[in-house]
Amino acid sequence: MLYMIYSTDVENSLEKRLATRPAHLERLVALKEQNRLFAAGPLPAIDSKDPGSAGFTGSLVIAEFDSLEAAQQWADADPYIAAGVYAHSVVKPYKKVLP
């Protein structure tokens, strides 16, 4: 089943984000290689594809997991949490309808 993981950044997270990004992306690439990743990306702090120093307010991941508990465990192990980038994450089941 698909689950969405919506994570909210702490204030002024950009420097921590950039330092931890390789480890964060490594986990997403692993999901992609397992054909479990539906979508993933950051939420720009301003209305721009490249927000520059404005940074990001959070991230969204939609991926396949065996259970809500497994999705929560995966989210809790994100390097962005350990680095203090994310203030918190919300994990919920997701049902793709369109397109």
Protein backbone atom coordinates (compact mmCIF):
# COMPACT_ATOMS: atom_id res chain seq x y z
CA MET A 1 0.00 0.00 0.00
CA LEU A 2 1.08 3.59 -0.58
CA TYR A 3 1.74 5.96 2.32
CA MET A 4 2.42 9.67 2.35
CA ILE A 5 5.06 11.10 4.64
CA TYR A 6 4.66 14.84 5.13
CA SER A 7 7.54 16.36 7.08
CA THR A 8 7.81 19.92 8.34
CA ASP A 9 11.18 21.68 8.64
CA VAL A 10 12.36 23.63 11.66
CA GLU A 11 13.07 27.32 11.11
CA ASN A 12 16.28 28.10 9.20
CA SER A 13 16.85 24.48 8.19
CA LEU A 14 18.64 25.09 4.89
CA GLU A 15 22.22 24.67 6.11
CA LYS A 16 21.38 21.44 7.97
CA ARG A 17 19.37 20.24 4.96
CA LEU A 18 22.24 20.73 2.55
CA ALA A 19 24.73 19.01 4.86
CA THR A 20 22.48 15.96 5.32
CA ARG A 21 21.00 15.77 1.82
CA PRO A 22 23.25 12.95 0.46
CA ALA A 23 22.20 10.56 3.25
CA HIS A 24 18.55 11.58 2.86
CA LEU A 25 18.64 11.02 -0.91
CA GLU A 26 20.38 7.66 -0.53
CA ARG A 27 17.31 6.25 1.21
CA LEU A 28 14.98 7.63 -1.47
CA VAL A 29 17.13 6.15 -4.24
CA ALA A 30 16.90 2.77 -2.48
CA LEU A 31 13.08 3.00 -2.53
CA LYS A 32 13.21 3.96 -6.21
CA GLU A 33 15.44 1.01 -7.07
CA GLN A 34 12.96 -1.27 -5.28
CA ASN A 35 10.12 0.25 -7.39
CA ARG A 36 8.45 1.48 -4.20
CA LEU A 37 8.79 5.25 -4.68
CA PHE A 38 5.81 7.06 -6.19
CA ALA A 39 6.94 10.66 -5.60
CA ALA A 40 9.32 12.64 -3.41
CA GLY A 41 10.45 16.21 -3.11
CA PRO A 42 10.92 19.29 -0.97
CA LEU A 43 8.40 22.09 -0.40
CA PRO A 44 9.97 25.44 -1.39
CA ALA A 45 9.49 28.28 1.10
CA ILE A 46 8.61 30.64 -1.76
CA ASP A 47 6.77 30.28 -5.05
CA SER A 48 9.82 29.14 -7.01
CA LYS A 49 11.35 25.90 -8.28
CA ASP A 50 14.68 27.12 -6.89
CA PRO A 51 14.04 29.05 -3.68
CA GLY A 52 17.73 29.74 -3.07
CA SER A 53 18.43 31.05 0.41
CA ALA A 54 14.68 31.06 1.24
CA GLY A 55 15.04 27.30 1.60
CA PHE A 56 12.25 24.82 2.19
CA THR A 57 9.39 24.34 4.63
CA GLY A 58 9.27 20.55 4.49
CA SER A 59 9.10 17.51 2.25
CA LEU A 60 6.60 15.05 0.83
CA VAL A 61 7.31 11.38 0.13
CA ILE A 62 4.76 8.93 -1.26
CA ALA A 63 6.01 5.38 -1.25
CA GLU A 64 4.94 1.77 -0.87
CA PHE A 65 5.37 0.05 2.49
CA ASP A 66 4.01 -3.17 3.97
CA SER A 67 2.13 -1.33 6.72
CA LEU A 68 1.56 2.01 8.39
CA GLU A 69 3.97 0.92 11.11
CA ALA A 70 6.68 0.15 8.54
CA ALA A 71 6.15 3.54 6.88
CA GLN A 72 6.36 5.28 10.26
CA GLN A 73 9.57 3.44 11.14
CA TRP A 74 11.09 4.43 7.79
CA ALA A 75 10.08 8.07 8.35
CA ASP A 76 11.45 8.07 11.90
CA ALA A 77 14.84 6.87 10.61
CA ASP A 78 15.25 9.73 8.12
CA PRO A 79 18.67 11.41 8.46
CA TYR A 80 16.90 14.79 8.38
CA ILE A 81 15.34 13.94 11.75
CA ALA A 82 18.67 13.04 13.33
CA ALA A 83 20.22 16.23 11.90
CA GLY A 84 17.42 18.44 13.26
CA VAL A 85 16.01 19.43 9.85
CA TYR A 86 12.50 18.10 10.47
CA ALA A 87 10.38 19.29 13.38
CA HIS A 88 7.93 16.42 12.83
CA SER A 89 6.49 14.04 10.25
CA VAL A 90 2.96 12.84 9.58
CA VAL A 91 2.49 9.41 8.01
CA LYS A 92 -0.86 8.39 6.53
CA PRO A 93 -2.17 5.83 4.05
CA TYR A 94 -2.48 7.22 0.51
CA LYS A 95 -4.80 6.08 -2.27
CA LYS A 96 -3.87 7.15 -5.79
CA VAL A 97 -6.97 7.91 -7.85
CA LEU A 98 -5.79 10.13 -10.73
CA PRO A 99 -4.13 10.23 -13.19
